[in-house]
């Protein structure tokens, strides 16, 4: 019995310290300009420009998320995440133009969002090519499976589902189900 009491005390202390660290992390990023809604606890993140990130209320973010903004600085966040959204472990937001994610979205582990790519003109090294940028938009109640890649200019409509491992290069209408490389429509959500 003594052992269980000791272990219970350890668990309570751990939860206390974990919540304290989360509160300190949220306070630090808020001080740096990140907008974080109430009820959202920040895990260990990598953020290049905190003032370019806005996270809604009651969101669940898992550890190892990478928010990289490498566009031209402008006021207001380029990365906007709606309320009650879940983002899994190891997701990457590589953004130059912008991304907007609606409310109640489910984004599984390892998803990638890239809103830019290089030009491919002959006679000029690839690293000197101009960047082509187009914002990404995800509607409310969108579900992305593990390791989905969403590329520039894509809009994913409300209630859409994208299967694990898909590479999304075209916009998706509301309530459609897509899968594959490149992703294509395989079904429609029904009630």
C-alpha atoms as a PDB file:
ATOM      1  CA  UNK A   1       0.000   0.000   0.000  1.00  0.00           C
ATOM      2  CA  UNK A   2       2.843   2.384   0.834  1.00  0.00           C
ATOM      3  CA  UNK A   3       4.299   1.743  -2.620  1.00  0.00           C
ATOM      4  CA  UNK A   4       1.024   2.761  -4.303  1.00  0.00           C
ATOM      5  CA  UNK A   5       0.826   5.953  -2.244  1.00  0.00           C
ATOM      6  CA  UNK A   6       4.403   6.824  -3.225  1.00  0.00           C
ATOM      7  CA  UNK A   7       3.694   6.146  -6.896  1.00  0.00           C
ATOM      8  CA  UNK A   8       0.480   8.175  -6.745  1.00  0.00           C
ATOM      9  CA  UNK A   9       2.420  11.085  -5.253  1.00  0.00           C
ATOM     10  CA  UNK A  10       4.975  10.820  -8.065  1.00  0.00           C
ATOM     11  CA  UNK A  11       2.244  10.917 -10.714  1.00  0.00           C
ATOM     12  CA  UNK A  12       0.644  13.992  -9.130  1.00  0.00           C
ATOM     13  CA  UNK A  13       4.012  15.760  -8.893  1.00  0.00           C
ATOM     14  CA  UNK A  14       4.806  14.883 -12.507  1.00  0.00           C
ATOM     15  CA  UNK A  15       1.466  16.209 -13.746  1.00  0.00           C
ATOM     16  CA  UNK A  16       1.957  19.390 -11.708  1.00  0.00           C
ATOM     17  CA  UNK A  17       5.409  20.012 -13.164  1.00  0.00           C
ATOM     18  CA  UNK A  18       4.290  19.112 -16.685  1.00  0.00           C
ATOM     19  CA  UNK A  19       1.433  21.616 -16.506  1.00  0.00           C
ATOM     20  CA  UNK A  20       3.788  24.235 -15.030  1.00  0.00           C
ATOM     21  CA  UNK A  21       6.271  23.746 -17.886  1.00  0.00           C
ATOM     22  CA  UNK A  22       3.406  23.997 -20.406  1.00  0.00           C
ATOM     23  CA  UNK A  23       2.227  27.232 -18.803  1.00  0.00           C
ATOM     24  CA  UNK A  24       5.767  28.685 -18.887  1.00  0.00           C
ATOM     25  CA  UNK A  25       6.178  27.681 -22.541  1.00  0.00           C
ATOM     26  CA  UNK A  26       2.837  29.288 -23.447  1.00  0.00           C
ATOM     27  CA  UNK A  27       3.790  32.475 -21.566  1.00  0.00           C
ATOM     28  CA  UNK A  28       7.175  32.625 -23.304  1.00  0.00           C
ATOM     29  CA  UNK A  29       5.756  32.203 -26.811  1.00  0.00           C
ATOM     30  CA  UNK A  30       2.984  34.716 -26.063  1.00  0.00           C
ATOM     31  CA  UNK A  31       5.647  37.194 -24.971  1.00  0.00           C
ATOM     32  CA  UNK A  32       7.361  36.631 -28.338  1.00  0.00           C
ATOM     33  CA  UNK A  33       4.136  37.459 -30.192  1.00  0.00           C
ATOM     34  CA  UNK A  34       2.450  34.088 -30.727  1.00  0.00           C
ATOM     35  CA  UNK A  35      -1.319  34.177 -30.280  1.00  0.00           C
ATOM     36  CA  UNK A  36      -2.471  31.199 -28.189  1.00  0.00           C
ATOM     37  CA  UNK A  37      -6.122  30.709 -27.231  1.00  0.00           C
ATOM     38  CA  UNK A  38      -7.322  29.750 -23.776  1.00  0.00           C
ATOM     39  CA  UNK A  39      -7.301  26.048 -22.990  1.00  0.00           C
ATOM     40  CA  UNK A  40      -4.467  25.357 -25.439  1.00  0.00           C
ATOM     41  CA  UNK A  41      -1.290  23.964 -23.880  1.00  0.00           C
ATOM     42  CA  UNK A  42       1.910  24.148 -25.903  1.00  0.00           C
ATOM     43  CA  UNK A  43       4.199  21.103 -25.954  1.00  0.00           C
ATOM     44  CA  UNK A  44       7.808  21.239 -27.083  1.00  0.00           C
ATOM     45  CA  UNK A  45       7.716  23.051 -30.450  1.00  0.00           C
ATOM     46  CA  UNK A  46      10.113  24.489 -32.983  1.00  0.00           C
ATOM     47  CA  UNK A  47       8.996  27.959 -34.108  1.00  0.00           C
ATOM     48  CA  UNK A  48      11.082  30.297 -36.286  1.00  0.00           C
ATOM     49  CA  UNK A  49       8.840  33.390 -35.983  1.00  0.00           C
ATOM     50  CA  UNK A  50       6.355  33.104 -33.088  1.00  0.00           C
ATOM     51  CA  UNK A  51       4.602  36.334 -34.124  1.00  0.00           C
ATOM     52  CA  UNK A  52       3.534  34.617 -37.369  1.00  0.00           C
ATOM     53  CA  UNK A  53       1.586  31.855 -35.544  1.00  0.00           C
ATOM     54  CA  UNK A  54      -1.968  32.040 -34.124  1.00  0.00           C
ATOM     55  CA  UNK A  55      -3.484  28.990 -32.403  1.00  0.00           C
ATOM     56  CA  UNK A  56      -7.159  28.904 -31.396  1.00  0.00           C
ATOM     57  CA  UNK A  57      -8.845  27.887 -28.164  1.00  0.00           C
ATOM     58  CA  UNK A  58      -8.835  24.380 -26.681  1.00  0.00           C
ATOM     59  CA  UNK A  59      -6.446  22.964 -29.284  1.00  0.00           C
ATOM     60  CA  UNK A  60      -4.417  19.818 -28.675  1.00  0.00           C
ATOM     61  CA  UNK A  61      -0.884  19.925 -30.028  1.00  0.00           C
ATOM     62  CA  UNK A  62       1.507  17.023 -29.613  1.00  0.00           C
ATOM     63  CA  UNK A  63       5.280  17.380 -29.311  1.00  0.00           C
ATOM     64  CA  UNK A  64       7.762  17.957 -32.113  1.00  0.00           C
ATOM     65  CA  UNK A  65       5.635  20.252 -34.290  1.00  0.00           C
ATOM     66  CA  UNK A  66       7.692  22.506 -36.579  1.00  0.00           C
ATOM     67  CA  UNK A  67       6.323  25.954 -37.465  1.00  0.00           C
ATOM     68  CA  UNK A  68       8.684  27.446 -40.045  1.00  0.00           C
ATOM     69  CA  UNK A  69       7.824  30.799 -41.570  1.00  0.00           C
ATOM     70  CA  UNK A  70      10.340  31.962 -44.170  1.00  0.00           C
ATOM     71  CA  UNK A  71       8.305  34.492 -46.130  1.00  0.00           C
ATOM     72  CA  UNK A  72       8.474  38.265 -46.182  1.00  0.00           C
ATOM     73  CA  UNK A  73       7.628  39.610 -42.740  1.00  0.00           C
ATOM     74  CA  UNK A  74       4.235  41.237 -42.438  1.00  0.00           C
ATOM     75  CA  UNK A  75       1.955  42.122 -39.545  1.00  0.00           C
ATOM     76  CA  UNK A  76      -0.506  39.459 -38.530  1.00  0.00           C
ATOM     77  CA  UNK A  77       0.084  35.723 -38.394  1.00  0.00           C
ATOM     78  CA  UNK A  78       0.685  33.719 -41.574  1.00  0.00           C
ATOM     79  CA  UNK A  79      -0.098  30.432 -39.790  1.00  0.00           C
ATOM     80  CA  UNK A  80      -3.655  30.388 -38.371  1.00  0.00           C
ATOM     81  CA  UNK A  81      -5.106  27.374 -36.582  1.00  0.00           C
ATOM     82  CA  UNK A  82      -8.790  27.308 -35.581  1.00  0.00           C
ATOM     83  CA  UNK A  83     -10.418  26.304 -32.299  1.00  0.00           C
ATOM     84  CA  UNK A  84     -10.527  22.707 -30.995  1.00  0.00           C
ATOM     85  CA  UNK A  85      -8.068  21.472 -33.601  1.00  0.00           C
ATOM     86  CA  UNK A  86      -5.788  18.467 -33.031  1.00  0.00           C
ATOM     87  CA  UNK A  87      -2.268  18.394 -34.514  1.00  0.00           C
ATOM     88  CA  UNK A  88      -0.257  15.197 -34.095  1.00  0.00           C
ATOM     89  CA  UNK A  89       3.388  14.547 -33.354  1.00  0.00           C
ATOM     90  CA  UNK A  90       6.008  15.692 -35.844  1.00  0.00           C
ATOM     91  CA  UNK A  91       3.854  17.794 -38.166  1.00  0.00           C
ATOM     92  CA  UNK A  92       5.664  20.420 -40.244  1.00  0.00           C
ATOM     93  CA  UNK A  93       4.340  23.773 -41.418  1.00  0.00           C
ATOM     94  CA  UNK A  94       6.840  25.134 -43.976  1.00  0.00           C
ATOM     95  CA  UNK A  95       5.115  28.379 -44.895  1.00  0.00           C
ATOM     96  CA  UNK A  96       6.085  31.423 -46.971  1.00  0.00           C
ATOM     97  CA  UNK A  97       2.668  32.816 -47.938  1.00  0.00           C
ATOM     98  CA  UNK A  98       0.155  31.499 -45.404  1.00  0.00           C
ATOM     99  CA  UNK A  99      -1.981  28.642 -44.121  1.00  0.00           C
ATOM    100  CA  UNK A 100      -5.396  28.748 -42.489  1.00  0.00           C
ATOM    101  CA  UNK A 101      -6.856  25.726 -40.706  1.00  0.00           C
ATOM    102  CA  UNK A 102     -10.517  25.758 -39.652  1.00  0.00           C
ATOM    103  CA  UNK A 103     -12.116  24.642 -36.393  1.00  0.00           C
ATOM    104  CA  UNK A 104     -12.355  21.006 -35.233  1.00  0.00           C
ATOM    105  CA  UNK A 105      -9.722  19.732 -37.682  1.00  0.00           C
ATOM    106  CA  UNK A 106      -7.864  16.462 -37.046  1.00  0.00           C
ATOM    107  CA  UNK A 107      -4.320  16.438 -38.392  1.00  0.00           C
ATOM    108  CA  UNK A 108      -2.549  13.149 -37.678  1.00  0.00           C
ATOM    109  CA  UNK A 109       1.151  12.647 -36.982  1.00  0.00           C
ATOM    110  CA  UNK A 110       3.773  13.481 -39.577  1.00  0.00           C
ATOM    111  CA  UNK A 111       1.691  15.688 -41.879  1.00  0.00           C
ATOM    112  CA  UNK A 112       3.531  18.305 -43.962  1.00  0.00           C
ATOM    113  CA  UNK A 113       2.288  21.610 -45.353  1.00  0.00           C
ATOM    114  CA  UNK A 114       4.432  23.424 -47.943  1.00  0.00           C
ATOM    115  CA  UNK A 115       3.002  26.508 -49.648  1.00  0.00           C
ATOM    116  CA  UNK A 116       5.896  27.220 -52.021  1.00  0.00           C
ATOM    117  CA  UNK A 117       8.296  25.630 -54.473  1.00  0.00           C
ATOM    118  CA  UNK A 118      11.081  26.652 -56.845  1.00  0.00           C
ATOM    119  CA  UNK A 119      10.842  27.697 -60.451  1.00  0.00           C
ATOM    120  CA  UNK A 120      12.416  25.312 -62.981  1.00  0.00           C
ATOM    121  CA  UNK A 121      13.852  27.540 -65.700  1.00  0.00           C
ATOM    122  CA  UNK A 122      16.809  26.246 -67.698  1.00  0.00           C
ATOM    123  CA  UNK A 123      20.139  28.053 -67.485  1.00  0.00           C
ATOM    124  CA  UNK A 124      19.805  29.052 -63.853  1.00  0.00           C
ATOM    125  CA  UNK A 125      20.809  26.994 -60.783  1.00  0.00           C
ATOM    126  CA  UNK A 126      17.822  25.648 -58.853  1.00  0.00           C
ATOM    127  CA  UNK A 127      18.757  27.456 -55.638  1.00  0.00           C
ATOM    128  CA  UNK A 128      18.659  30.784 -57.511  1.00  0.00           C
ATOM    129  CA  UNK A 129      15.226  30.196 -59.035  1.00  0.00           C
ATOM    130  CA  UNK A 130      12.384  32.441 -57.864  1.00  0.00           C
ATOM    131  CA  UNK A 131       9.989  30.929 -55.340  1.00  0.00           C
ATOM    132  CA  UNK A 132       6.378  30.314 -56.368  1.00  0.00           C
ATOM    133  CA  UNK A 133       4.016  30.765 -53.395  1.00  0.00           C
ATOM    134  CA  UNK A 134       0.294  30.125 -52.869  1.00  0.00           C
ATOM    135  CA  UNK A 135      -1.526  29.928 -49.534  1.00  0.00           C
ATOM    136  CA  UNK A 136      -3.105  26.714 -48.220  1.00  0.00           C
ATOM    137  CA  UNK A 137      -6.578  26.557 -46.657  1.00  0.00           C
ATOM    138  CA  UNK A 138      -8.259  23.749 -44.698  1.00  0.00           C
ATOM    139  CA  UNK A 139     -11.947  24.060 -43.818  1.00  0.00           C
ATOM    140  CA  UNK A 140     -13.711  23.091 -40.601  1.00  0.00           C
ATOM    141  CA  UNK A 141     -13.934  19.420 -39.550  1.00  0.00           C
ATOM    142  CA  UNK A 142     -11.196  18.233 -41.944  1.00  0.00           C
ATOM    143  CA  UNK A 143      -9.399  14.961 -41.167  1.00  0.00           C
ATOM    144  CA  UNK A 144      -5.908  14.256 -42.525  1.00  0.00           C
ATOM    145  CA  UNK A 145      -4.419  10.798 -41.907  1.00  0.00           C
ATOM    146  CA  UNK A 146      -0.784  10.183 -40.951  1.00  0.00           C
ATOM    147  CA  UNK A 147       1.947  11.571 -43.208  1.00  0.00           C
ATOM    148  CA  UNK A 148      -0.287  13.496 -45.604  1.00  0.00           C
ATOM    149  CA  UNK A 149       1.549  16.147 -47.646  1.00  0.00           C
ATOM    150  CA  UNK A 150      -0.417  19.256 -48.694  1.00  0.00           C
ATOM    151  CA  UNK A 151       1.236  21.422 -51.353  1.00  0.00           C
ATOM    152  CA  UNK A 152       0.871  25.051 -52.420  1.00  0.00           C
ATOM    153  CA  UNK A 153      -2.452  26.536 -53.451  1.00  0.00           C
ATOM    154  CA  UNK A 154      -4.568  23.646 -52.140  1.00  0.00           C
ATOM    155  CA  UNK A 155      -7.942  24.269 -50.497  1.00  0.00           C
ATOM    156  CA  UNK A 156      -9.493  21.368 -48.609  1.00  0.00           C
ATOM    157  CA  UNK A 157     -13.232  21.846 -48.111  1.00  0.00           C
ATOM    158  CA  UNK A 158     -15.248  21.432 -44.935  1.00  0.00           C
ATOM    159  CA  UNK A 159     -15.629  17.856 -43.698  1.00  0.00           C
ATOM    160  CA  UNK A 160     -13.178  16.378 -46.216  1.00  0.00           C
ATOM    161  CA  UNK A 161     -11.069  13.311 -45.372  1.00  0.00           C
ATOM    162  CA  UNK A 162      -7.598  12.572 -46.773  1.00  0.00           C
ATOM    163  CA  UNK A 163      -6.166   9.064 -46.285  1.00  0.00           C
ATOM    164  CA  UNK A 164      -2.745   8.392 -44.771  1.00  0.00           C
ATOM    165  CA  UNK A 165       0.275   8.931 -47.005  1.00  0.00           C
ATOM    166  CA  UNK A 166      -1.548  10.957 -49.662  1.00  0.00           C
ATOM    167  CA  UNK A 167       0.093  13.863 -51.480  1.00  0.00           C
ATOM    168  CA  UNK A 168      -2.513  16.557 -52.113  1.00  0.00           C
ATOM    169  CA  UNK A 169      -1.742  18.695 -55.177  1.00  0.00           C
ATOM    170  CA  UNK A 170      -5.309  19.749 -56.103  1.00  0.00           C
ATOM    171  CA  UNK A 171      -8.121  21.353 -54.142  1.00  0.00           C
ATOM    172  CA  UNK A 172     -10.720  19.091 -52.504  1.00  0.00           C
ATOM    173  CA  UNK A 173     -14.440  19.879 -52.350  1.00  0.00           C
ATOM    174  CA  UNK A 174     -16.397  19.631 -49.070  1.00  0.00           C
ATOM    175  CA  UNK A 175     -17.117  16.120 -47.715  1.00  0.00           C
ATOM    176  CA  UNK A 176     -15.010  14.297 -50.306  1.00  0.00           C
ATOM    177  CA  UNK A 177     -12.667  11.415 -49.432  1.00  0.00           C
ATOM    178  CA  UNK A 178      -9.276  11.387 -51.168  1.00  0.00           C
ATOM    179  CA  UNK A 179      -6.299   8.989 -51.161  1.00  0.00           C
ATOM    180  CA  UNK A 180      -3.181   8.118 -53.141  1.00  0.00           C
ATOM    181  CA  UNK A 181      -0.088   9.657 -54.689  1.00  0.00           C
ATOM    182  CA  UNK A 182      -1.026  12.036 -56.142  1.00  0.00           C
ATOM    183  CA  UNK A 183      -4.283  12.178 -54.183  1.00  0.00           C
ATOM    184  CA  UNK A 184      -7.540  11.605 -56.064  1.00  0.00           C
ATOM    185  CA  UNK A 185     -11.181  11.293 -55.055  1.00  0.00           C
ATOM    186  CA  UNK A 186     -12.195   7.811 -53.887  1.00  0.00           C
ATOM    187  CA  UNK A 187     -15.495   8.565 -52.186  1.00  0.00           C
ATOM    188  CA  UNK A 188     -17.958  10.944 -50.604  1.00  0.00           C
ATOM    189  CA  UNK A 189     -18.956  11.273 -46.935  1.00  0.00           C
ATOM    190  CA  UNK A 190     -22.627  10.530 -46.334  1.00  0.00           C
ATOM    191  CA  UNK A 191     -24.855  10.719 -43.276  1.00  0.00           C
END
